[in-house]
């Protein structure tokens, strides 16, 4: 379903679309938590594919620009928002 596709997107970015060891470590740390947060977010907000795509737009644009630093930052911010970390506003973009 949607949760699996969302999780696959983040897994791909963190494990295959980047050579960043930081992203690999981050993903191994948050994989289970991210899956739960994504499932809760999608269920609570009753999001459709367009809403989910919009949340990931900054990440995709950074990848298209081949800007690893920007992609890393966008992905980390997205996950922090999704997980509701302190200092972050909202649930996700």
Protein backbone atom coordinates (compact mmCIF):
# COMPACT_ATOMS: atom_id res chain seq x y z
CA UNK A 1 0.00 0.00 0.00
CA UNK A 2 0.88 3.65 0.40
CA UNK A 3 2.95 3.11 3.53
CA UNK A 4 5.18 0.57 1.80
CA UNK A 5 5.73 2.87 -1.20
CA UNK A 6 6.54 5.79 1.11
CA UNK A 7 9.00 3.68 3.13
CA UNK A 8 10.56 2.29 -0.08
CA UNK A 9 11.13 5.86 -1.32
CA UNK A 10 13.08 6.78 1.82
CA UNK A 11 14.95 3.48 1.90
CA UNK A 12 16.03 3.99 -1.72
CA UNK A 13 17.28 7.52 -1.05
CA UNK A 14 19.18 6.49 2.05
CA UNK A 15 20.66 3.23 0.80
CA UNK A 16 21.02 3.51 -2.98
CA UNK A 17 20.65 7.04 -4.32
CA UNK A 18 23.44 8.37 -2.19
CA UNK A 19 26.97 7.42 -1.25
CA UNK A 20 26.48 9.19 2.07
CA UNK A 21 27.43 7.10 5.08
CA UNK A 22 25.43 9.56 7.20
CA UNK A 23 22.25 8.68 5.31
CA UNK A 24 22.94 4.96 5.65
CA UNK A 25 23.43 5.32 9.41
CA UNK A 26 20.36 7.53 9.71
CA UNK A 27 18.17 5.03 7.86
CA UNK A 28 19.35 2.07 9.92
CA UNK A 29 18.51 4.07 13.05
CA UNK A 30 15.04 5.25 12.02
CA UNK A 31 13.75 2.51 9.68
CA UNK A 32 11.28 0.96 12.13
CA UNK A 33 10.29 4.28 13.67
CA UNK A 34 9.86 5.85 10.23
CA UNK A 35 7.59 3.01 9.12
CA UNK A 36 5.35 3.51 12.17
CA UNK A 37 5.33 7.29 11.78
CA UNK A 38 4.53 7.06 8.06
CA UNK A 39 1.71 4.62 8.73
CA UNK A 40 0.26 6.84 11.47
CA UNK A 41 0.67 10.02 9.42
CA UNK A 42 -0.96 8.55 6.32
CA UNK A 43 -3.80 7.05 8.34
CA UNK A 44 -4.48 10.11 10.52
CA UNK A 45 -4.30 12.58 7.67
CA UNK A 46 -6.06 10.28 5.17
CA UNK A 47 -3.58 11.31 2.50
CA UNK A 48 -3.71 10.37 -1.14
CA UNK A 49 -0.83 9.90 -3.57
CA UNK A 50 -0.78 13.58 -4.54
CA UNK A 51 -0.41 14.67 -0.92
CA UNK A 52 2.35 12.15 -0.34
CA UNK A 53 4.16 13.30 -3.50
CA UNK A 54 3.92 16.93 -2.36
CA UNK A 55 5.53 16.01 0.97
CA UNK A 56 8.54 14.65 -0.91
CA UNK A 57 8.92 17.40 -3.51
CA UNK A 58 12.00 19.06 -1.94
CA UNK A 59 13.79 15.73 -1.73
CA UNK A 60 13.07 14.85 -5.35
CA UNK A 61 14.16 18.30 -6.58
CA UNK A 62 17.44 18.06 -4.67
CA UNK A 63 18.11 14.63 -6.19
CA UNK A 64 17.32 15.97 -9.67
CA UNK A 65 19.87 18.73 -9.05
CA UNK A 66 22.35 16.08 -7.86
CA UNK A 67 22.81 18.11 -4.70
CA UNK A 68 23.65 15.50 -2.08
CA UNK A 69 23.87 18.02 0.74
CA UNK A 70 20.45 19.50 -0.06
CA UNK A 71 18.89 16.05 -0.55
CA UNK A 72 20.31 14.88 2.78
CA UNK A 73 19.02 17.98 4.54
CA UNK A 74 15.57 17.74 2.92
CA UNK A 75 15.27 14.05 3.78
CA UNK A 76 16.37 14.57 7.38
CA UNK A 77 13.94 17.47 7.82
CA UNK A 78 11.13 15.46 6.28
CA UNK A 79 11.73 12.51 8.59
CA UNK A 80 12.07 14.80 11.63
CA UNK A 81 8.75 16.44 10.76
CA UNK A 82 7.12 13.08 10.20
CA UNK A 83 8.32 11.80 13.53
CA UNK A 84 7.31 15.01 15.31
CA UNK A 85 10.76 15.79 16.68
CA UNK A 86 11.09 18.81 18.96
CA UNK A 87 11.78 22.06 17.17
CA UNK A 88 9.97 20.96 14.02
CA UNK A 89 6.59 22.38 13.08
CA UNK A 90 3.78 20.20 11.78
CA UNK A 91 3.89 16.54 10.90
CA UNK A 92 5.27 16.58 7.37
CA UNK A 93 5.55 18.64 4.23
